[in-house]
PDB file of N, CA and C in Angstrom:
ATOM      1  N   MET A   1     127.129 100.025  82.956  1.00  0.00           N
ATOM      2  CA  MET A   1     126.246 100.938  83.641  1.00  0.00           C
ATOM      3  C   MET A   1     126.394 100.788  85.152  1.00  0.00           C
ATOM      4  N   LYS A   2     126.456  99.533  85.636  1.00  0.00           N
ATOM      5  CA  LYS A   2     126.608  99.316  87.064  1.00  0.00           C
ATOM      6  C   LYS A   2     127.939  99.871  87.567  1.00  0.00           C
ATOM      7  N   ALA A   3     128.983  99.690  86.763  1.00  0.00           N
ATOM      8  CA  ALA A   3     130.308 100.185  87.166  1.00  0.00           C
ATOM      9  C   ALA A   3     130.297 101.707  87.265  1.00  0.00           C
ATOM     10  N   ARG A   4     129.607 102.359  86.367  1.00  0.00           N
ATOM     11  CA  ARG A   4     129.537 103.819  86.380  1.00  0.00           C
ATOM     12  C   ARG A   4     128.792 104.302  87.620  1.00  0.00           C
ATOM     13  N   ILE A   5     127.699 103.663  87.944  1.00  0.00           N
ATOM     14  CA  ILE A   5     126.930 104.034  89.141  1.00  0.00           C
ATOM     15  C   ILE A   5     127.764 103.779  90.390  1.00  0.00           C
ATOM     16  N   LEU A   6     128.454 102.652  90.415  1.00  0.00           N
ATOM     17  CA  LEU A   6     129.304 102.326  91.550  1.00  0.00           C
ATOM     18  C   LEU A   6     130.449 103.328  91.684  1.00  0.00           C
ATOM     19  N   ALA A   7     131.036 103.730  90.565  1.00  0.00           N
ATOM     20  CA  ALA A   7     132.127 104.712  90.598  1.00  0.00           C
ATOM     21  C   ALA A   7     131.645 106.050  91.128  1.00  0.00           C
ATOM     22  N   VAL A   8     130.473 106.474  90.695  1.00  0.00           N
ATOM     23  CA  VAL A   8     129.916 107.740  91.178  1.00  0.00           C
ATOM     24  C   VAL A   8     129.597 107.648  92.668  1.00  0.00           C
ATOM     25  N   ALA A   9     129.009 106.528  93.081  1.00  0.00           N
ATOM     26  CA  ALA A   9     128.683 106.354  94.492  1.00  0.00           C
ATOM     27  C   ALA A   9     129.944 106.312  95.349  1.00  0.00           C
ATOM     28  N   LEU A  10     130.972 105.633  94.871  1.00  0.00           N
ATOM     29  CA  LEU A  10     132.232 105.565  95.598  1.00  0.00           C
ATOM     30  C   LEU A  10     132.892 106.938  95.683  1.00  0.00           C
ATOM     31  N   SER A  11     132.874 107.666  94.597  1.00  0.00           N
ATOM     32  CA  SER A  11     133.451 109.013  94.598  1.00  0.00           C
ATOM     33  C   SER A  11     132.702 109.920  95.557  1.00  0.00           C
ATOM     34  N   ALA A  12     131.391 109.829  95.576  1.00  0.00           N
ATOM     35  CA  ALA A  12     130.592 110.651  96.481  1.00  0.00           C
ATOM     36  C   ALA A  12     130.858 110.279  97.935  1.00  0.00           C
ATOM     37  N   ALA A  13     130.985 108.994  98.196  1.00  0.00           N
ATOM     38  CA  ALA A  13     131.263 108.556  99.563  1.00  0.00           C
ATOM     39  C   ALA A  13     132.640 109.016 100.022  1.00  0.00           C
ATOM     40  N   LEU A  14     133.621 108.907  99.147  1.00  0.00           N
ATOM     41  CA  LEU A  14     134.974 109.365  99.493  1.00  0.00           C
ATOM     42  C   LEU A  14     135.007 110.872  99.717  1.00  0.00           C
ATOM     43  N   ALA A  15     134.290 111.594  98.904  1.00  0.00           N
ATOM     44  CA  ALA A  15     134.254 113.049  99.060  1.00  0.00           C
ATOM     45  C   ALA A  15     133.572 113.444 100.363  1.00  0.00           C
ATOM     46  N   ALA A  16     132.574 112.695 100.758  1.00  0.00           N
ATOM     47  CA  ALA A  16     131.849 113.017 101.990  1.00  0.00           C
ATOM     48  C   ALA A  16     132.677 112.678 103.231  1.00  0.00           C
ATOM     49  N   VAL A  17     133.443 111.604 103.157  1.00  0.00           N
ATOM     50  CA  VAL A  17     134.204 111.152 104.311  1.00  0.00           C
ATOM     51  C   VAL A  17     135.521 111.918 104.456  1.00  0.00           C
ATOM     52  N   ALA A  18     136.188 112.152 103.354  1.00  0.00           N
ATOM     53  CA  ALA A  18     137.506 112.786 103.402  1.00  0.00           C
ATOM     54  C   ALA A  18     137.385 114.261 103.742  1.00  0.00           C
ATOM     55  N   GLY A  19     138.363 114.767 104.458  1.00  0.00           N
ATOM     56  CA  GLY A  19     138.402 116.190 104.785  1.00  0.00           C
ATOM     57  C   GLY A  19     138.803 116.991 103.568  1.00  0.00           C
ATOM     58  N   THR A  20     138.526 118.271 103.594  1.00  0.00           N
ATOM     59  CA  THR A  20     138.842 119.099 102.432  1.00  0.00           C
ATOM     60  C   THR A  20     140.341 119.185 102.201  1.00  0.00           C
ATOM     61  N   ALA A  21     141.139 119.181 103.251  1.00  0.00           N
ATOM     62  CA  ALA A  21     142.587 119.258 103.067  1.00  0.00           C
ATOM     63  C   ALA A  21     143.126 117.997 102.405  1.00  0.00           C
ATOM     64  N   GLU A  22     142.543 116.867 102.720  1.00  0.00           N
ATOM     65  CA  GLU A  22     143.009 115.608 102.147  1.00  0.00           C
ATOM     66  C   GLU A  22     142.434 115.358 100.757  1.00  0.00           C
ATOM     67  N   ALA A  23     141.320 115.977 100.441  1.00  0.00           N
ATOM     68  CA  ALA A  23     140.630 115.686  99.192  1.00  0.00           C
ATOM     69  C   ALA A  23     141.034 116.614  98.061  1.00  0.00           C
ATOM     70  N   LYS A  24     141.967 117.517  98.299  1.00  0.00           N
ATOM     71  CA  LYS A  24     142.368 118.430  97.239  1.00  0.00           C
ATOM     72  C   LYS A  24     142.861 117.638  96.038  1.00  0.00           C
ATOM     73  N   GLY A  25     142.233 117.852  94.917  1.00  0.00           N
ATOM     74  CA  GLY A  25     142.631 117.190  93.686  1.00  0.00           C
ATOM     75  C   GLY A  25     142.040 115.821  93.485  1.00  0.00           C
ATOM     76  N   CYS A  26     141.581 115.183  94.542  1.00  0.00           N
ATOM     77  CA  CYS A  26     141.092 113.811  94.438  1.00  0.00           C
ATOM     78  C   CYS A  26     139.792 113.729  93.638  1.00  0.00           C
ATOM     79  N   ALA A  27     138.854 114.586  93.943  1.00  0.00           N
ATOM     80  CA  ALA A  27     137.548 114.503  93.271  1.00  0.00           C
ATOM     81  C   ALA A  27     137.678 114.744  91.780  1.00  0.00           C
ATOM     82  N   LYS A  28     138.432 115.770  91.417  1.00  0.00           N
ATOM     83  CA  LYS A  28     138.616 116.074  90.000  1.00  0.00           C
ATOM     84  C   LYS A  28     139.371 114.940  89.307  1.00  0.00           C
ATOM     85  N   GLY A  29     140.438 114.455  89.940  1.00  0.00           N
ATOM     86  CA  GLY A  29     141.214 113.363  89.363  1.00  0.00           C
ATOM     87  C   GLY A  29     140.415 112.079  89.251  1.00  0.00           C
ATOM     88  N   ALA A  30     139.592 111.808  90.263  1.00  0.00           N
ATOM     89  CA  ALA A  30     138.772 110.595  90.234  1.00  0.00           C
ATOM     90  C   ALA A  30     137.741 110.665  89.125  1.00  0.00           C
ATOM     91  N   ALA A  31     137.156 111.827  88.916  1.00  0.00           N
ATOM     92  CA  ALA A  31     136.162 111.972  87.847  1.00  0.00           C
ATOM     93  C   ALA A  31     136.800 111.748  86.482  1.00  0.00           C
ATOM     94  N   VAL A  32     137.935 112.391  86.254  1.00  0.00           N
ATOM     95  CA  VAL A  32     138.621 112.245  84.972  1.00  0.00           C
ATOM     96  C   VAL A  32     139.118 110.812  84.798  1.00  0.00           C
ATOM     97  N   GLY A  33     139.719 110.257  85.841  1.00  0.00           N
ATOM     98  CA  GLY A  33     140.225 108.891  85.761  1.00  0.00           C
ATOM     99  C   GLY A  33     139.130 107.863  85.582  1.00  0.00           C
ATOM    100  N   GLY A  34     138.000 108.084  86.226  1.00  0.00           N
ATOM    101  CA  GLY A  34     136.879 107.159  86.080  1.00  0.00           C
ATOM    102  C   GLY A  34     136.334 107.115  84.664  1.00  0.00           C
ATOM    103  N   VAL A  35     136.210 108.289  84.066  1.00  0.00           N
ATOM    104  CA  VAL A  35     135.730 108.350  82.673  1.00  0.00           C
ATOM    105  C   VAL A  35     136.754 107.714  81.742  1.00  0.00           C
ATOM    106  N   ALA A  36     138.027 108.054  81.937  1.00  0.00           N
ATOM    107  CA  ALA A  36     139.073 107.487  81.087  1.00  0.00           C
ATOM    108  C   ALA A  36     139.146 105.969  81.248  1.00  0.00           C
ATOM    109  N   GLY A  37     139.063 105.502  82.485  1.00  0.00           N
ATOM    110  CA  GLY A  37     139.097 104.062  82.726  1.00  0.00           C
ATOM    111  C   GLY A  37     137.905 103.343  82.125  1.00  0.00           C
ATOM    112  N   HIS A  38     136.758 103.981  82.170  1.00  0.00           N
ATOM    113  CA  HIS A  38     135.558 103.375  81.592  1.00  0.00           C
ATOM    114  C   HIS A  38     135.712 103.182  80.086  1.00  0.00           C
ATOM    115  N   TYR A  39     136.214 104.215  79.418  1.00  0.00           N
ATOM    116  CA  TYR A  39     136.365 104.129  77.967  1.00  0.00           C
ATOM    117  C   TYR A  39     137.568 103.294  77.555  1.00  0.00           C
ATOM    118  N   ALA A  40     138.499 103.073  78.457  1.00  0.00           N
ATOM    119  CA  ALA A  40     139.692 102.301  78.131  1.00  0.00           C
ATOM    120  C   ALA A  40     139.534 100.828  78.472  1.00  0.00           C
ATOM    121  N   GLY A  41     138.351 100.359  78.651  1.00  0.00           N
ATOM    122  CA  GLY A  41     138.158  98.928  78.890  1.00  0.00           C
ATOM    123  C   GLY A  41     137.272  98.634  80.068  1.00  0.00           C
ATOM    124  N   HIS A  42     136.350  99.518  80.369  1.00  0.00           N
ATOM    125  CA  HIS A  42     135.378  99.319  81.439  1.00  0.00           C
ATOM    126  C   HIS A  42     136.052  99.100  82.801  1.00  0.00           C
ATOM    127  N   HIS A  43     137.063  99.899  83.079  1.00  0.00           N
ATOM    128  CA  HIS A  43     137.758  99.851  84.363  1.00  0.00           C
ATOM    129  C   HIS A  43     137.626 101.199  85.059  1.00  0.00           C
ATOM    130  N   GLY A  44     136.385 101.624  85.223  1.00  0.00           N
ATOM    131  CA  GLY A  44     136.106 102.933  85.807  1.00  0.00           C
ATOM    132  C   GLY A  44     136.611 103.089  87.225  1.00  0.00           C
ATOM    133  N   LEU A  45     136.466 102.047  88.036  1.00  0.00           N
ATOM    134  CA  LEU A  45     136.912 102.138  89.428  1.00  0.00           C
ATOM    135  C   LEU A  45     138.429 102.241  89.528  1.00  0.00           C
ATOM    136  N   LEU A  46     139.127 101.455  88.719  1.00  0.00           N
ATOM    137  CA  LEU A  46     140.585 101.542  88.721  1.00  0.00           C
ATOM    138  C   LEU A  46     141.038 102.910  88.233  1.00  0.00           C
ATOM    139  N   GLY A  47     140.369 103.408  87.220  1.00  0.00           N
ATOM    140  CA  GLY A  47     140.695 104.741  86.704  1.00  0.00           C
ATOM    141  C   GLY A  47     140.426 105.816  87.733  1.00  0.00           C
ATOM    142  N   ALA A  48     139.324 105.679  88.474  1.00  0.00           N
ATOM    143  CA  ALA A  48     138.985 106.663  89.505  1.00  0.00           C
ATOM    144  C   ALA A  48     140.017 106.637  90.629  1.00  0.00           C
ATOM    145  N   ALA A  49     140.441 105.455  91.029  1.00  0.00           N
ATOM    146  CA  ALA A  49     141.448 105.350  92.095  1.00  0.00           C
ATOM    147  C   ALA A  49     142.777 105.948  91.642  1.00  0.00           C
ATOM    148  N   ALA A  50     143.188 105.628  90.428  1.00  0.00           N
ATOM    149  CA  ALA A  50     144.441 106.182  89.905  1.00  0.00           C
ATOM    150  C   ALA A  50     144.330 107.693  89.728  1.00  0.00           C
ATOM    151  N   GLY A  51     143.189 108.147  89.229  1.00  0.00           N
ATOM    152  CA  GLY A  51     142.978 109.580  89.050  1.00  0.00           C
ATOM    153  C   GLY A  51     143.006 110.327  90.367  1.00  0.00           C
ATOM    154  N   CYS A  52     142.459 109.734  91.403  1.00  0.00           N
ATOM    155  CA  CYS A  52     142.478 110.340  92.726  1.00  0.00           C
ATOM    156  C   CYS A  52     143.912 110.483  93.212  1.00  0.00           C
ATOM    157  N   ALA A  53     144.701 109.436  93.052  1.00  0.00           N
ATOM    158  CA  ALA A  53     146.099 109.477  93.490  1.00  0.00           C
ATOM    159  C   ALA A  53     146.885 110.541  92.736  1.00  0.00           C
ATOM    160  N   VAL A  54     146.687 110.601  91.430  1.00  0.00           N
ATOM    161  CA  VAL A  54     147.388 111.600  90.620  1.00  0.00           C
ATOM    162  C   VAL A  54     146.919 113.005  90.986  1.00  0.00           C
ATOM    163  N   GLY A  55     145.624 113.163  91.178  1.00  0.00           N
ATOM    164  CA  GLY A  55     145.089 114.468  91.552  1.00  0.00           C
ATOM    165  C   GLY A  55     145.628 114.958  92.882  1.00  0.00           C
ATOM    166  N   LYS A  56     145.729 114.068  93.856  1.00  0.00           N
ATOM    167  CA  LYS A  56     146.282 114.436  95.166  1.00  0.00           C
ATOM    168  C   LYS A  56     147.750 114.820  95.036  1.00  0.00           C
ATOM    169  N   HIS A  57     148.484 114.076  94.224  1.00  0.00           N
ATOM    170  CA  HIS A  57     149.902 114.365  94.014  1.00  0.00           C
ATOM    171  C   HIS A  57     150.086 115.742  93.382  1.00  0.00           C
ATOM    172  N   ARG A  58     149.294 116.029  92.356  1.00  0.00           N
ATOM    173  CA  ARG A  58     149.412 117.325  91.678  1.00  0.00           C
ATOM    174  C   ARG A  58     148.997 118.474  92.590  1.00  0.00           C
ATOM    175  N   ALA A  59     147.969 118.263  93.410  1.00  0.00           N
ATOM    176  CA  ALA A  59     147.540 119.300  94.345  1.00  0.00           C
ATOM    177  C   ALA A  59     148.613 119.569  95.391  1.00  0.00           C
ATOM    178  N   LYS A  60     149.245 118.505  95.882  1.00  0.00           N
ATOM    179  CA  LYS A  60     150.314 118.674  96.870  1.00  0.00           C
ATOM    180  C   LYS A  60     151.497 119.410  96.260  1.00  0.00           C
ATOM    181  N   LYS A  61     151.834 119.065  95.027  1.00  0.00           N
ATOM    182  CA  LYS A  61     152.944 119.717  94.338  1.00  0.00           C
ATOM    183  C   LYS A  61     152.645 121.200  94.119  1.00  0.00           C
ATOM    184  N   ALA A  62     151.423 121.528  93.719  1.00  0.00           N
ATOM    185  CA  ALA A  62     151.030 122.920  93.516  1.00  0.00           C
ATOM    186  C   ALA A  62     151.056 123.690  94.840  1.00  0.00           C
ATOM    187  N   GLU A  63     150.642 123.040  95.913  1.00  0.00           N
ATOM    188  CA  GLU A  63     150.655 123.676  97.232  1.00  0.00           C
ATOM    189  C   GLU A  63     152.086 123.971  97.675  1.00  0.00           C
ATOM    190  N   GLN A  64     152.999 123.048  97.407  1.00  0.00           N
ATOM    191  CA  GLN A  64     154.404 123.258  97.764  1.00  0.00           C
ATOM    192  C   GLN A  64     155.002 124.404  96.955  1.00  0.00           C
ATOM    193  N   GLN A  65     154.655 124.484  95.674  1.00  0.00           N
ATOM    194  CA  GLN A  65     155.158 125.570  94.840  1.00  0.00           C
ATOM    195  C   GLN A  65     154.630 126.914  95.323  1.00  0.00           C
ATOM    196  N   GLN A  66     153.368 126.945  95.701  1.00  0.00           N
ATOM    197  CA  GLN A  66     152.775 128.180  96.202  1.00  0.00           C
ATOM    198  C   GLN A  66     153.442 128.602  97.510  1.00  0.00           C
ATOM    199  N   ALA A  67     153.727 127.656  98.387  1.00  0.00           N
ATOM    200  CA  ALA A  67     154.394 127.969  99.648  1.00  0.00           C
ATOM    201  C   ALA A  67     155.803 128.505  99.391  1.00  0.00           C
ATOM    202  N   ALA A  68     156.503 127.920  98.427  1.00  0.00           N
ATOM    203  CA  ALA A  68     157.847 128.381  98.094  1.00  0.00           C
ATOM    204  C   ALA A  68     157.814 129.795  97.530  1.00  0.00           C
ATOM    205  N   GLN A  69     156.812 130.099  96.710  1.00  0.00           N
ATOM    206  CA  GLN A  69     156.674 131.443  96.157  1.00  0.00           C
ATOM    207  C   GLN A  69     156.378 132.456  97.256  1.00  0.00           C
ATOM    208  N   GLN A  70     155.528 132.093  98.199  1.00  0.00           N
ATOM    209  CA  GLN A  70     155.216 132.994  99.302  1.00  0.00           C
ATOM    210  C   GLN A  70     156.444 133.238 100.164  1.00  0.00           C
ATOM    211  N   GLN A  71     157.216 132.201 100.401  1.00  0.00           N
ATOM    212  CA  GLN A  71     158.427 132.338 101.198  1.00  0.00           C
ATOM    213  C   GLN A  71     159.425 133.243 100.483  1.00  0.00           C
ATOM    214  N   LYS A  72     159.557 133.072  99.192  1.00  0.00           N
ATOM    215  CA  LYS A  72     160.475 133.905  98.412  1.00  0.00           C
ATOM    216  C   LYS A  72     160.022 135.368  98.450  1.00  0.00           C
ATOM    217  N   LEU A  73     158.737 135.607  98.333  1.00  0.00           N
ATOM    218  CA  LEU A  73     158.196 136.962  98.384  1.00  0.00           C
ATOM    219  C   LEU A  73     158.455 137.597  99.748  1.00  0.00           C
ATOM    220  N   GLN A  74     158.267 136.833 100.811  1.00  0.00           N
ATOM    221  CA  GLN A  74     158.530 137.347 102.156  1.00  0.00           C
ATOM    222  C   GLN A  74     159.999 137.692 102.334  1.00  0.00           C
ATOM    223  N   GLN A  75     160.887 136.864 101.806  1.00  0.00           N
ATOM    224  CA  GLN A  75     162.313 137.135 101.902  1.00  0.00           C
ATOM    225  C   GLN A  75     162.672 138.406 101.139  1.00  0.00           C
ATOM    226  N   GLN A  76     162.066 138.592  99.977  1.00  0.00           N
ATOM    227  CA  GLN A  76     162.325 139.798  99.189  1.00  0.00           C
ATOM    228  C   GLN A  76     161.844 141.038  99.921  1.00  0.00           C
ATOM    229  N   GLN A  77     160.678 140.935 100.567  1.00  0.00           N
ATOM    230  CA  GLN A  77     160.137 142.064 101.308  1.00  0.00           C
ATOM    231  C   GLN A  77     161.020 142.387 102.516  1.00  0.00           C
ATOM    232  N   GLN A  78     161.500 141.375 103.195  1.00  0.00           N
ATOM    233  CA  GLN A  78     162.379 141.599 104.357  1.00  0.00           C
ATOM    234  C   GLN A  78     163.699 142.223 103.912  1.00  0.00           C
ATOM    235  N   HIS A  79     164.211 141.776 102.785  1.00  0.00           N
ATOM    236  CA  HIS A  79     165.456 142.319 102.262  1.00  0.00           C
ATOM    237  C   HIS A  79     165.268 143.781 101.847  1.00  0.00           C
ATOM    238  N   ALA A  80     164.131 144.094 101.259  1.00  0.00           N
ATOM    239  CA  ALA A  80     163.849 145.477 100.841  1.00  0.00           C
ATOM    240  C   ALA A  80     163.689 146.388 102.057  1.00  0.00           C
ATOM    241  N   GLN A  81     163.114 145.884 103.126  1.00  0.00           N
ATOM    242  CA  GLN A  81     162.931 146.680 104.332  1.00  0.00           C
ATOM    243  C   GLN A  81     164.263 146.904 105.042  1.00  0.00           C
ATOM    244  N   ALA A  82     165.194 145.984 104.918  1.00  0.00           N
ATOM    245  CA  ALA A  82     166.487 146.100 105.586  1.00  0.00           C
ATOM    246  C   ALA A  82     167.357 147.193 104.957  1.00  0.00           C
ATOM    247  N   LYS A  83     167.075 147.520 103.723  1.00  0.00           N
ATOM    248  CA  LYS A  83     167.887 148.541 103.031  1.00  0.00           C
ATOM    249  C   LYS A  83     167.530 149.915 103.451  1.00  0.00           C
TER     250      LYS A  83
END
């Protein structure tokens, strides 16, 4: 019970301190990781930290894919206008 309260408090503190650009994916990943860590041997904090890292990685990867798609769309539009 104490670990769960501590995990929630830590997640809330991190969310309050971190900027929105840096926190993309972290809150969701930390919540999922914290629950998984808790049920996998009462390691909620470790799960939350790992979940945050994975969430940030996935958010960054999704952002890069979106940027690549936008760039490709712009190139297609420029090519269509050149014709």
